[in-house]
Amino acid sequence: PLDLDLDDSERWLSVWPQGSRDGYQDMVQFAETCTDAVLAGKLDVALN
């Protein structure tokens, strides 16, 4: 294991995942911009 002093706040910034909610909303918003009605319908089904 690496000898890292992870408690050193001047050296390290913890990165904790936020999950996939934002990524899912990106898909929803992109689907809403689709002008192709057939594609928009397929994406709407895919997102459920």
ModelCIF file with pLDDT and N, C-alpha, C, O atoms, coordinates in Angstrom:
data_MODEL
#
_entry.id   MODEL 
#
_entity.id                         1 
_entity.type                       polymer 
_entity.pdbx_number_of_molecules   1 
#
_entity_poly.entity_id                      1 
_entity_poly.type                           'polypeptide(L)' 
_entity_poly.nstd_linkage                   no 
_entity_poly.nstd_monomer                   no 
_entity_poly.pdbx_seq_one_letter_code       PLDLDLDDSERWLSVWPQGSRDGYQDMVQFAETCTDAVLAGKLDVALN 
_entity_poly.pdbx_seq_one_letter_code_can   PLDLDLDDSERWLSVWPQGSRDGYQDMVQFAETCTDAVLAGKLDVALN 
_entity_poly.pdbx_strand_id                 A 
#
loop_
_entity_poly_seq.entity_id 
_entity_poly_seq.num 
_entity_poly_seq.mon_id 
_entity_poly_seq.hetero 
1 1  PRO n 
1 2  LEU n 
1 3  ASP n 
1 4  LEU n 
1 5  ASP n 
1 6  LEU n 
1 7  ASP n 
1 8  ASP n 
1 9  SER n 
1 10 GLU n 
1 11 ARG n 
1 12 TRP n 
1 13 LEU n 
1 14 SER n 
1 15 VAL n 
1 16 TRP n 
1 17 PRO n 
1 18 GLN n 
1 19 GLY n 
1 20 SER n 
1 21 ARG n 
1 22 ASP n 
1 23 GLY n 
1 24 TYR n 
1 25 GLN n 
1 26 ASP n 
1 27 MET n 
1 28 VAL n 
1 29 GLN n 
1 30 PHE n 
1 31 ALA n 
1 32 GLU n 
1 33 THR n 
1 34 CYS n 
1 35 THR n 
1 36 ASP n 
1 37 ALA n 
1 38 VAL n 
1 39 LEU n 
1 40 ALA n 
1 41 GLY n 
1 42 LYS n 
1 43 LEU n 
1 44 ASP n 
1 45 VAL n 
1 46 ALA n 
1 47 LEU n 
1 48 ASN n 
#
_struct_asym.id          A 
_struct_asym.entity_id   1 
#
loop_
_ma_qa_metric.id 
_ma_qa_metric.mode 
_ma_qa_metric.name 
_ma_qa_metric.software_group_id 
_ma_qa_metric.type 
1 global pLDDT . pLDDT 
2 local  pLDDT . pLDDT 
#
_ma_qa_metric_global.metric_id      1 
_ma_qa_metric_global.metric_value   89.44 
_ma_qa_metric_global.model_id       1 
_ma_qa_metric_global.ordinal_id     1 
#
loop_
_ma_qa_metric_local.label_asym_id 
_ma_qa_metric_local.label_comp_id 
_ma_qa_metric_local.label_seq_id 
_ma_qa_metric_local.metric_id 
_ma_qa_metric_local.metric_value 
_ma_qa_metric_local.model_id 
_ma_qa_metric_local.ordinal_id 
A PRO 1  2 47.00 1 1  
A LEU 2  2 55.00 1 2  
A ASP 3  2 60.00 1 3  
A LEU 4  2 67.00 1 4  
A ASP 5  2 75.00 1 5  
A LEU 6  2 77.00 1 6  
A ASP 7  2 80.00 1 7  
A ASP 8  2 85.00 1 8  
A SER 9  2 83.00 1 9  
A GLU 10 2 87.00 1 10 
A ARG 11 2 90.00 1 11 
A TRP 12 2 92.00 1 12 
A LEU 13 2 94.00 1 13 
A SER 14 2 92.00 1 14 
A VAL 15 2 92.00 1 15 
A TRP 16 2 90.00 1 16 
A PRO 17 2 90.00 1 17 
A GLN 18 2 86.00 1 18 
A GLY 19 2 87.00 1 19 
A SER 20 2 90.00 1 20 
A ARG 21 2 93.00 1 21 
A ASP 22 2 95.00 1 22 
A GLY 23 2 95.00 1 23 
A TYR 24 2 96.00 1 24 
A GLN 25 2 97.00 1 25 
A ASP 26 2 97.00 1 26 
A MET 27 2 97.00 1 27 
A VAL 28 2 97.00 1 28 
A GLN 29 2 96.00 1 29 
A PHE 30 2 96.00 1 30 
A ALA 31 2 96.00 1 31 
A GLU 32 2 95.00 1 32 
A THR 33 2 92.00 1 33 
A CYS 34 2 93.00 1 34 
A THR 35 2 93.00 1 35 
A ASP 36 2 94.00 1 36 
A ALA 37 2 95.00 1 37 
A VAL 38 2 96.00 1 38 
A LEU 39 2 97.00 1 39 
A ALA 40 2 95.00 1 40 
A GLY 41 2 96.00 1 41 
A LYS 42 2 97.00 1 42 
A LEU 43 2 97.00 1 43 
A ASP 44 2 95.00 1 44 
A VAL 45 2 96.00 1 45 
A ALA 46 2 97.00 1 46 
A LEU 47 2 97.00 1 47 
A ASN 48 2 94.00 1 48 
#
loop_
_atom_site.group_PDB 
_atom_site.id 
_atom_site.type_symbol 
_atom_site.label_atom_id 
_atom_site.label_alt_id 
_atom_site.label_comp_id 
_atom_site.label_asym_id 
_atom_site.label_entity_id 
_atom_site.label_seq_id 
_atom_site.pdbx_PDB_ins_code 
_atom_site.Cartn_x 
_atom_site.Cartn_y 
_atom_site.Cartn_z 
_atom_site.occupancy 
_atom_site.B_iso_or_equiv 
_atom_site.pdbx_formal_charge 
_atom_site.auth_seq_id 
_atom_site.auth_comp_id 
_atom_site.auth_asym_id 
_atom_site.auth_atom_id 
_atom_site.pdbx_PDB_model_num 
ATOM 1   N N  . PRO A 1 1  ? 0.813   -1.208 0.000   1.00 47.00 ? 1  PRO A N  1 
ATOM 2   C CA . PRO A 1 1  ? 0.000   0.000  0.000   1.00 47.00 ? 1  PRO A CA 1 
ATOM 3   C C  . PRO A 1 1  ? 0.852   1.266  0.000   1.00 47.00 ? 1  PRO A C  1 
ATOM 4   O O  . PRO A 1 1  ? 1.948   1.290  0.558   1.00 47.00 ? 1  PRO A O  1 
ATOM 5   N N  . LEU A 1 2  ? 0.335   2.311  -0.630  1.00 55.00 ? 2  LEU A N  1 
ATOM 6   C CA . LEU A 1 2  ? 1.053   3.574  -0.683  1.00 55.00 ? 2  LEU A CA 1 
ATOM 7   C C  . LEU A 1 2  ? 1.035   4.237  0.689   1.00 55.00 ? 2  LEU A C  1 
ATOM 8   O O  . LEU A 1 2  ? 0.042   4.173  1.414   1.00 55.00 ? 2  LEU A O  1 
ATOM 9   N N  . ASP A 1 3  ? 2.133   4.864  1.024   1.00 60.00 ? 3  ASP A N  1 
ATOM 10  C CA . ASP A 1 3  ? 2.243   5.549  2.309   1.00 60.00 ? 3  ASP A CA 1 
ATOM 11  C C  . ASP A 1 3  ? 1.760   6.983  2.116   1.00 60.00 ? 3  ASP A C  1 
ATOM 12  O O  . ASP A 1 3  ? 2.562   7.893  1.910   1.00 60.00 ? 3  ASP A O  1 
ATOM 13  N N  . LEU A 1 4  ? 0.452   7.177  2.184   1.00 67.00 ? 4  LEU A N  1 
ATOM 14  C CA . LEU A 1 4  ? -0.136  8.490  1.946   1.00 67.00 ? 4  LEU A CA 1 
ATOM 15  C C  . LEU A 1 4  ? -0.802  8.991  3.218   1.00 67.00 ? 4  LEU A C  1 
ATOM 16  O O  . LEU A 1 4  ? -1.574  8.274  3.854   1.00 67.00 ? 4  LEU A O  1 
ATOM 17  N N  . ASP A 1 5  ? -0.491  10.242 3.583   1.00 75.00 ? 5  ASP A N  1 
ATOM 18  C CA . ASP A 1 5  ? -1.129  10.856 4.738   1.00 75.00 ? 5  ASP A CA 1 
ATOM 19  C C  . ASP A 1 5  ? -2.406  11.540 4.263   1.00 75.00 ? 5  ASP A C  1 
ATOM 20  O O  . ASP A 1 5  ? -2.410  12.740 3.988   1.00 75.00 ? 5  ASP A O  1 
ATOM 21  N N  . LEU A 1 6  ? -3.479  10.777 4.170   1.00 77.00 ? 6  LEU A N  1 
ATOM 22  C CA . LEU A 1 6  ? -4.725  11.278 3.604   1.00 77.00 ? 6  LEU A CA 1 
ATOM 23  C C  . LEU A 1 6  ? -5.446  12.255 4.528   1.00 77.00 ? 6  LEU A C  1 
ATOM 24  O O  . LEU A 1 6  ? -6.450  12.850 4.135   1.00 77.00 ? 6  LEU A O  1 
ATOM 25  N N  . ASP A 1 7  ? -4.949  12.423 5.743   1.00 80.00 ? 7  ASP A N  1 
ATOM 26  C CA . ASP A 1 7  ? -5.536  13.391 6.662   1.00 80.00 ? 7  ASP A CA 1 
ATOM 27  C C  . ASP A 1 7  ? -4.966  14.790 6.448   1.00 80.00 ? 7  ASP A C  1 
ATOM 28  O O  . ASP A 1 7  ? -5.413  15.748 7.079   1.00 80.00 ? 7  ASP A O  1 
ATOM 29  N N  . ASP A 1 8  ? -3.979  14.910 5.560   1.00 85.00 ? 8  ASP A N  1 
ATOM 30  C CA . ASP A 1 8  ? -3.364  16.197 5.270   1.00 85.00 ? 8  ASP A CA 1 
ATOM 31  C C  . ASP A 1 8  ? -4.258  16.971 4.302   1.00 85.00 ? 8  ASP A C  1 
ATOM 32  O O  . ASP A 1 8  ? -4.205  16.752 3.092   1.00 85.00 ? 8  ASP A O  1 
ATOM 33  N N  . SER A 1 9  ? -5.078  17.877 4.839   1.00 83.00 ? 9  SER A N  1 
ATOM 34  C CA . SER A 1 9  ? -6.060  18.596 4.011   1.00 83.00 ? 9  SER A CA 1 
ATOM 35  C C  . SER A 1 9  ? -5.420  19.582 3.050   1.00 83.00 ? 9  SER A C  1 
ATOM 36  O O  . SER A 1 9  ? -6.061  20.030 2.100   1.00 83.00 ? 9  SER A O  1 
ATOM 37  N N  . GLU A 1 10 ? -4.154  19.925 3.292   1.00 87.00 ? 10 GLU A N  1 
ATOM 38  C CA . GLU A 1 10 ? -3.457  20.820 2.367   1.00 87.00 ? 10 GLU A CA 1 
ATOM 39  C C  . GLU A 1 10 ? -2.918  20.064 1.164   1.00 87.00 ? 10 GLU A C  1 
ATOM 40  O O  . GLU A 1 10 ? -2.507  20.671 0.175   1.00 87.00 ? 10 GLU A O  1 
ATOM 41  N N  . ARG A 1 11 ? -2.921  18.739 1.248   1.00 90.00 ? 11 ARG A N  1 
ATOM 42  C CA . ARG A 1 11 ? -2.415  17.906 0.158   1.00 90.00 ? 11 ARG A CA 1 
ATOM 43  C C  . ARG A 1 11 ? -3.521  17.139 -0.550  1.00 90.00 ? 11 ARG A C  1 
ATOM 44  O O  . ARG A 1 11 ? -3.457  16.928 -1.761  1.00 90.00 ? 11 ARG A O  1 
ATOM 45  N N  . TRP A 1 12 ? -4.543  16.719 0.204   1.00 92.00 ? 12 TRP A N  1 
ATOM 46  C CA . TRP A 1 12 ? -5.542  15.820 -0.357  1.00 92.00 ? 12 TRP A CA 1 
ATOM 47  C C  . TRP A 1 12 ? -6.952  16.377 -0.217  1.00 92.00 ? 12 TRP A C  1 
ATOM 48  O O  . TRP A 1 12 ? -7.308  16.975 0.799   1.00 92.00 ? 12 TRP A O  1 
ATOM 49  N N  . LEU A 1 13 ? -7.744  16.164 -1.266  1.00 94.00 ? 13 LEU A N  1 
ATOM 50  C CA . LEU A 1 13 ? -9.159  16.527 -1.254  1.00 94.00 ? 13 LEU A CA 1 
ATOM 51  C C  . LEU A 1 13 ? -9.954  15.261 -1.557  1.00 94.00 ? 13 LEU A C  1 
ATOM 52  O O  . LEU A 1 13 ? -9.799  14.665 -2.623  1.00 94.00 ? 13 LEU A O  1 
ATOM 53  N N  . SER A 1 14 ? -10.794 14.859 -0.628  1.00 92.00 ? 14 SER A N  1 
ATOM 54  C CA . SER A 1 14 ? -11.569 13.630 -0.838  1.00 92.00 ? 14 SER A CA 1 
ATOM 55  C C  . SER A 1 14 ? -12.644 13.857 -1.894  1.00 92.00 ? 14 SER A C  1 
ATOM 56  O O  . SER A 1 14 ? -13.266 14.918 -1.957  1.00 92.00 ? 14 SER A O  1 
ATOM 57  N N  . VAL A 1 15 ? -12.843 12.847 -2.711  1.00 92.00 ? 15 VAL A N  1 
ATOM 58  C CA . VAL A 1 15 ? -13.833 12.902 -3.787  1.00 92.00 ? 15 VAL A CA 1 
ATOM 59  C C  . VAL A 1 15 ? -14.815 11.762 -3.567  1.00 92.00 ? 15 VAL A C  1 
ATOM 60  O O  . VAL A 1 15 ? -14.484 10.594 -3.774  1.00 92.00 ? 15 VAL A O  1 
ATOM 61  N N  . TRP A 1 16 ? -16.016 12.107 -3.149  1.00 90.00 ? 16 TRP A N  1 
ATOM 62  C CA . TRP A 1 16 ? -17.018 11.087 -2.880  1.00 90.00 ? 16 TRP A CA 1 
ATOM 63  C C  . TRP A 1 16 ? -18.093 11.126 -3.952  1.00 90.00 ? 16 TRP A C  1 
ATOM 64  O O  . TRP A 1 16 ? -18.623 12.194 -4.255  1.00 90.00 ? 16 TRP A O  1 
ATOM 65  N N  . PRO A 1 17 ? -18.418 9.990  -4.525  1.00 90.00 ? 17 PRO A N  1 
ATOM 66  C CA . PRO A 1 17 ? -19.368 9.928  -5.636  1.00 90.00 ? 17 PRO A CA 1 
ATOM 67  C C  . PRO A 1 17 ? -20.756 10.441 -5.272  1.00 90.00 ? 17 PRO A C  1 
ATOM 68  O O  . PRO A 1 17 ? -21.236 10.268 -4.152  1.00 90.00 ? 17 PRO A O  1 
ATOM 69  N N  . GLN A 1 18 ? -21.374 11.070 -6.247  1.00 86.00 ? 18 GLN A N  1 
ATOM 70  C CA . GLN A 1 18 ? -22.717 11.603 -6.066  1.00 86.00 ? 18 GLN A CA 1 
ATOM 71  C C  . GLN A 1 18 ? -23.784 10.675 -6.644  1.00 86.00 ? 18 GLN A C  1 
ATOM 72  O O  . GLN A 1 18 ? -24.977 10.907 -6.452  1.00 86.00 ? 18 GLN A O  1 
ATOM 73  N N  . GLY A 1 19 ? -23.363 9.633  -7.344  1.00 87.00 ? 19 GLY A N  1 
ATOM 74  C CA . GLY A 1 19 ? -24.312 8.715  -7.946  1.00 87.00 ? 19 GLY A CA 1 
ATOM 75  C C  . GLY A 1 19 ? -24.681 9.110  -9.370  1.00 87.00 ? 19 GLY A C  1 
ATOM 76  O O  . GLY A 1 19 ? -24.108 10.043 -9.932  1.00 87.00 ? 19 GLY A O  1 
ATOM 77  N N  . SER A 1 20 ? -25.631 8.402  -9.944  1.00 90.00 ? 20 SER A N  1 
ATOM 78  C CA . SER A 1 20 ? -25.950 8.543  -11.366 1.00 90.00 ? 20 SER A CA 1 
ATOM 79  C C  . SER A 1 20 ? -27.168 9.420  -11.649 1.00 90.00 ? 20 SER A C  1 
ATOM 80  O O  . SER A 1 20 ? -27.606 9.509  -12.796 1.00 90.00 ? 20 SER A O  1 
ATOM 81  N N  . ARG A 1 21 ? -27.716 10.065 -10.633 1.00 93.00 ? 21 ARG A N  1 
ATOM 82  C CA . ARG A 1 21 ? -28.943 10.850 -10.840 1.00 93.00 ? 21 ARG A CA 1 
ATOM 83  C C  . ARG A 1 21 ? -28.745 11.942 -11.887 1.00 93.00 ? 21 ARG A C  1 
ATOM 84  O O  . ARG A 1 21 ? -29.582 12.110 -12.774 1.00 93.00 ? 21 ARG A O  1 
ATOM 85  N N  . ASP A 1 22 ? -27.636 12.690 -11.787 1.00 95.00 ? 22 ASP A N  1 
ATOM 86  C CA . ASP A 1 22 ? -27.395 13.762 -12.745 1.00 95.00 ? 22 ASP A CA 1 
ATOM 87  C C  . ASP A 1 22 ? -27.236 13.212 -14.159 1.00 95.00 ? 22 ASP A C  1 
ATOM 88  O O  . ASP A 1 22 ? -27.733 13.799 -15.120 1.00 95.00 ? 22 ASP A O  1 
ATOM 89  N N  . GLY A 1 23 ? -26.544 12.089 -14.278 1.00 95.00 ? 23 GLY A N  1 
ATOM 90  C CA . GLY A 1 23 ? -26.374 11.476 -15.585 1.00 95.00 ? 23 GLY A CA 1 
ATOM 91  C C  . GLY A 1 23 ? -27.702 11.052 -16.187 1.00 95.00 ? 23 GLY A C  1 
ATOM 92  O O  . GLY A 1 23 ? -27.911 11.178 -17.394 1.00 95.00 ? 23 GLY A O  1 
ATOM 93  N N  . TYR A 1 24 ? -28.591 10.554 -15.355 1.00 96.00 ? 24 TYR A N  1 
ATOM 94  C CA . TYR A 1 24 ? -29.921 10.161 -15.832 1.00 96.00 ? 24 TYR A CA 1 
ATOM 95  C C  . TYR A 1 24 ? -30.698 11.391 -16.312 1.00 96.00 ? 24 TYR A C  1 
ATOM 96  O O  . TYR A 1 24 ? -31.352 11.353 -17.354 1.00 96.00 ? 24 TYR A O  1 
ATOM 97  N N  . GLN A 1 25 ? -30.618 12.471 -15.547 1.00 97.00 ? 25 GLN A N  1 
ATOM 98  C CA . GLN A 1 25 ? -31.310 13.699 -15.957 1.00 97.00 ? 25 GLN A CA 1 
ATOM 99  C C  . GLN A 1 25 ? -30.746 14.242 -17.266 1.00 97.00 ? 25 GLN A C  1 
ATOM 100 O O  . GLN A 1 25 ? -31.478 14.839 -18.055 1.00 97.00 ? 25 GLN A O  1 
ATOM 101 N N  . ASP A 1 26 ? -29.465 14.042 -17.498 1.00 97.00 ? 26 ASP A N  1 
ATOM 102 C CA . ASP A 1 26 ? -28.892 14.451 -18.781 1.00 97.00 ? 26 ASP A CA 1 
ATOM 103 C C  . ASP A 1 26 ? -29.583 13.719 -19.928 1.00 97.00 ? 26 ASP A C  1 
ATOM 104 O O  . ASP A 1 26 ? -29.910 14.322 -20.950 1.00 97.00 ? 26 ASP A O  1 
ATOM 105 N N  . MET A 1 27 ? -29.802 12.426 -19.754 1.00 97.00 ? 27 MET A N  1 
ATOM 106 C CA . MET A 1 27 ? -30.471 11.645 -20.801 1.00 97.00 ? 27 MET A CA 1 
ATOM 107 C C  . MET A 1 27 ? -31.893 12.144 -21.015 1.00 97.00 ? 27 MET A C  1 
ATOM 108 O O  . MET A 1 27 ? -32.348 12.262 -22.153 1.00 97.00 ? 27 MET A O  1 
ATOM 109 N N  . VAL A 1 28 ? -32.591 12.436 -19.932 1.00 97.00 ? 28 VAL A N  1 
ATOM 110 C CA . VAL A 1 28 ? -33.956 12.938 -20.037 1.00 97.00 ? 28 VAL A CA 1 
ATOM 111 C C  . VAL A 1 28 ? -33.989 14.256 -20.808 1.00 97.00 ? 28 VAL A C  1 
ATOM 112 O O  . VAL A 1 28 ? -34.814 14.442 -21.701 1.00 97.00 ? 28 VAL A O  1 
ATOM 113 N N  . GLN A 1 29 ? -33.089 15.161 -20.456 1.00 96.00 ? 29 GLN A N  1 
ATOM 114 C CA . GLN A 1 29 ? -33.061 16.465 -21.118 1.00 96.00 ? 29 GLN A CA 1 
ATOM 115 C C  . GLN A 1 29 ? -32.684 16.337 -22.577 1.00 96.00 ? 29 GLN A C  1 
ATOM 116 O O  . GLN A 1 29 ? -33.236 17.035 -23.428 1.00 96.00 ? 29 GLN A O  1 
ATOM 117 N N  . PHE A 1 30 ? -31.742 15.447 -22.877 1.00 96.00 ? 30 PHE A N  1 
ATOM 118 C CA . PHE A 1 30 ? -31.352 15.259 -24.272 1.00 96.00 ? 30 PHE A CA 1 
ATOM 119 C C  . PHE A 1 30 ? -32.527 14.708 -25.078 1.00 96.00 ? 30 PHE A C  1 
ATOM 120 O O  . PHE A 1 30 ? -32.783 15.157 -26.195 1.00 96.00 ? 30 PHE A O  1 
ATOM 121 N N  . ALA A 1 31 ? -33.235 13.740 -24.514 1.00 96.00 ? 31 ALA A N  1 
ATOM 122 C CA . ALA A 1 31 ? -34.385 13.152 -25.209 1.00 96.00 ? 31 ALA A CA 1 
ATOM 123 C C  . ALA A 1 31 ? -35.439 14.216 -25.517 1.00 96.00 ? 31 ALA A C  1 
ATOM 124 O O  . ALA A 1 31 ? -36.098 14.164 -26.556 1.00 96.00 ? 31 ALA A O  1 
ATOM 125 N N  . GLU A 1 32 ? -35.591 15.169 -24.617 1.00 95.00 ? 32 GLU A N  1 
ATOM 126 C CA . GLU A 1 32 ? -36.585 16.223 -24.807 1.00 95.00 ? 32 GLU A CA 1 
ATOM 127 C C  . GLU A 1 32 ? -36.227 17.170 -25.944 1.00 95.00 ? 32 GLU A C  1 
ATOM 128 O O  . GLU A 1 32 ? -37.090 17.879 -26.462 1.00 95.00 ? 32 GLU A O  1 
ATOM 129 N N  . THR A 1 33 ? -34.945 17.183 -26.335 1.00 92.00 ? 33 THR A N  1 
ATOM 130 C CA . THR A 1 33 ? -34.518 18.072 -27.424 1.00 92.00 ? 33 THR A CA 1 
ATOM 131 C C  . THR A 1 33 ? -34.653 17.409 -28.790 1.00 92.00 ? 33 THR A C  1 
ATOM 132 O O  . THR A 1 33 ? -34.507 18.078 -29.813 1.00 92.00 ? 33 THR A O  1 
ATOM 133 N N  . CYS A 1 34 ? -34.928 16.118 -28.824 1.00 93.00 ? 34 CYS A N  1 
ATOM 134 C CA . CYS A 1 34 ? -34.977 15.393 -30.097 1.00 93.00 ? 34 CYS A CA 1 
ATOM 135 C C  . CYS A 1 34 ? -36.164 15.863 -30.945 1.00 93.00 ? 34 CYS A C  1 
ATOM 136 O O  . CYS A 1 34 ? -37.303 15.902 -30.480 1.00 93.00 ? 34 CYS A O  1 
ATOM 137 N N  . THR A 1 35 ? -35.873 16.213 -32.181 1.00 93.00 ? 35 THR A N  1 
ATOM 138 C CA . THR A 1 35 ? -36.927 16.642 -33.091 1.00 93.00 ? 35 THR A CA 1 
ATOM 139 C C  . THR A 1 35 ? -37.501 15.467 -33.895 1.00 93.00 ? 35 THR A C  1 
ATOM 140 O O  . THR A 1 35 ? -38.568 15.578 -34.500 1.00 93.00 ? 35 THR A O  1 
ATOM 141 N N  . ASP A 1 36 ? -36.778 14.343 -33.890 1.00 94.00 ? 36 ASP A N  1 
ATOM 142 C CA . ASP A 1 36 ? -37.255 13.136 -34.558 1.00 94.00 ? 36 ASP A CA 1 
ATOM 143 C C  . ASP A 1 36 ? -38.231 12.437 -33.613 1.00 94.00 ? 36 ASP A C  1 
ATOM 144 O O  . ASP A 1 36 ? -37.832 11.905 -32.578 1.00 94.00 ? 36 ASP A O  1 
ATOM 145 N N  . ALA A 1 37 ? -39.517 12.445 -33.980 1.00 95.00 ? 37 ALA A N  1 
ATOM 146 C CA . ALA A 1 37 ? -40.545 11.904 -33.092 1.00 95.00 ? 37 ALA A CA 1 
ATOM 147 C C  . ALA A 1 37 ? -40.352 10.419 -32.817 1.00 95.00 ? 37 ALA A C  1 
ATOM 148 O O  . ALA A 1 37 ? -40.626 9.950  -31.712 1.00 95.00 ? 37 ALA A O  1 
ATOM 149 N N  . VAL A 1 38 ? -39.882 9.676  -33.816 1.00 96.00 ? 38 VAL A N  1 
ATOM 150 C CA . VAL A 1 38 ? -39.667 8.241  -33.632 1.00 96.00 ? 38 VAL A CA 1 
ATOM 151 C C  . VAL A 1 38 ? -38.551 7.998  -32.625 1.00 96.00 ? 38 VAL A C  1 
ATOM 152 O O  . VAL A 1 38 ? -38.691 7.186  -31.710 1.00 96.00 ? 38 VAL A O  1 
ATOM 153 N N  . LEU A 1 39 ? -37.443 8.710  -32.804 1.00 97.00 ? 39 LEU A N  1 
ATOM 154 C CA . LEU A 1 39 ? -36.326 8.565  -31.870 1.00 97.00 ? 39 LEU A CA 1 
ATOM 155 C C  . LEU A 1 39 ? -36.725 9.012  -30.465 1.00 97.00 ? 39 LEU A C  1 
ATOM 156 O O  . LEU A 1 39 ? -36.399 8.350  -29.480 1.00 97.00 ? 39 LEU A O  1 
ATOM 157 N N  . ALA A 1 40 ? -37.420 10.120 -30.381 1.00 95.00 ? 40 ALA A N  1 
ATOM 158 C CA . ALA A 1 40 ? -37.851 10.613 -29.068 1.00 95.00 ? 40 ALA A CA 1 
ATOM 159 C C  . ALA A 1 40 ? -38.697 9.567  -28.354 1.00 95.00 ? 40 ALA A C  1 
ATOM 160 O O  . ALA A 1 40 ? -38.562 9.372  -27.146 1.00 95.00 ? 40 ALA A O  1 
ATOM 161 N N  . GLY A 1 41 ? -39.568 8.896  -29.100 1.00 96.00 ? 41 GLY A N  1 
ATOM 162 C CA . GLY A 1 41 ? -40.395 7.858  -28.494 1.00 96.00 ? 41 GLY A CA 1 
ATOM 163 C C  . GLY A 1 41 ? -39.581 6.681  -28.010 1.00 96.00 ? 41 GLY A C  1 
ATOM 164 O O  . GLY A 1 41 ? -39.836 6.144  -26.932 1.00 96.00 ? 41 GLY A O  1 
ATOM 165 N N  . LYS A 1 42 ? -38.601 6.278  -28.799 1.00 97.00 ? 42 LYS A N  1 
ATOM 166 C CA . LYS A 1 42 ? -37.746 5.159  -28.399 1.00 97.00 ? 42 LYS A CA 1 
ATOM 167 C C  . LYS A 1 42 ? -36.938 5.505  -27.150 1.00 97.00 ? 42 LYS A C  1 
ATOM 168 O O  . LYS A 1 42 ? -36.783 4.676  -26.253 1.00 97.00 ? 42 LYS A O  1 
ATOM 169 N N  . LEU A 1 43 ? -36.427 6.732  -27.098 1.00 97.00 ? 43 LEU A N  1 
ATOM 170 C CA . LEU A 1 43 ? -35.637 7.143  -25.933 1.00 97.00 ? 43 LEU A CA 1 
ATOM 171 C C  . LEU A 1 43 ? -36.514 7.217  -24.690 1.00 97.00 ? 43 LEU A C  1 
ATOM 172 O O  . LEU A 1 43 ? -36.077 6.860  -23.596 1.00 97.00 ? 43 LEU A O  1 
ATOM 173 N N  . ASP A 1 44 ? -37.734 7.674  -24.854 1.00 95.00 ? 44 ASP A N  1 
ATOM 174 C CA . ASP A 1 44 ? -38.650 7.754  -23.718 1.00 95.00 ? 44 ASP A CA 1 
ATOM 175 C C  . ASP A 1 44 ? -38.906 6.368  -23.135 1.00 95.00 ? 44 ASP A C  1 
ATOM 176 O O  . ASP A 1 44 ? -38.944 6.200  -21.916 1.00 95.00 ? 44 ASP A O  1 
ATOM 177 N N  . VAL A 1 45 ? -39.080 5.384  -24.000 1.00 96.00 ? 45 VAL A N  1 
ATOM 178 C CA . VAL A 1 45 ? -39.278 4.006  -23.538 1.00 96.00 ? 45 VAL A CA 1 
ATOM 179 C C  . VAL A 1 45 ? -38.015 3.491  -22.855 1.00 96.00 ? 45 VAL A C  1 
ATOM 180 O O  . VAL A 1 45 ? -38.084 2.845  -21.810 1.00 96.00 ? 45 VAL A O  1 
ATOM 181 N N  . ALA A 1 46 ? -36.852 3.785  -23.458 1.00 97.00 ? 46 ALA A N  1 
ATOM 182 C CA . ALA A 1 46 ? -35.574 3.306  -22.927 1.00 97.00 ? 46 ALA A CA 1 
ATOM 183 C C  . ALA A 1 46 ? -35.294 3.841  -21.533 1.00 97.00 ? 46 ALA A C  1 
ATOM 184 O O  . ALA A 1 46 ? -34.616 3.189  -20.739 1.00 97.00 ? 46 ALA A O  1 
ATOM 185 N N  . LEU A 1 47 ? -35.810 5.020  -21.233 1.00 97.00 ? 47 LEU A N  1 
ATOM 186 C CA . LEU A 1 47 ? -35.502 5.673  -19.966 1.00 97.00 ? 47 LEU A CA 1 
ATOM 187 C C  . LEU A 1 47 ? -36.343 5.169  -18.796 1.00 97.00 ? 47 LEU A C  1 
ATOM 188 O O  . LEU A 1 47 ? -36.144 5.602  -17.660 1.00 97.00 ? 47 LEU A O  1 
ATOM 189 N N  . ASN A 1 48 ? -37.257 4.281  -19.057 1.00 94.00 ? 48 ASN A N  1 
ATOM 190 C CA . ASN A 1 48 ? -38.127 3.770  -17.989 1.00 94.00 ? 48 ASN A CA 1 
ATOM 191 C C  . ASN A 1 48 ? -37.594 2.453  -17.425 1.00 94.00 ? 48 ASN A C  1 
ATOM 192 O O  . ASN A 1 48 ? -38.199 1.879  -16.519 1.00 94.00 ? 48 ASN A O  1 
#
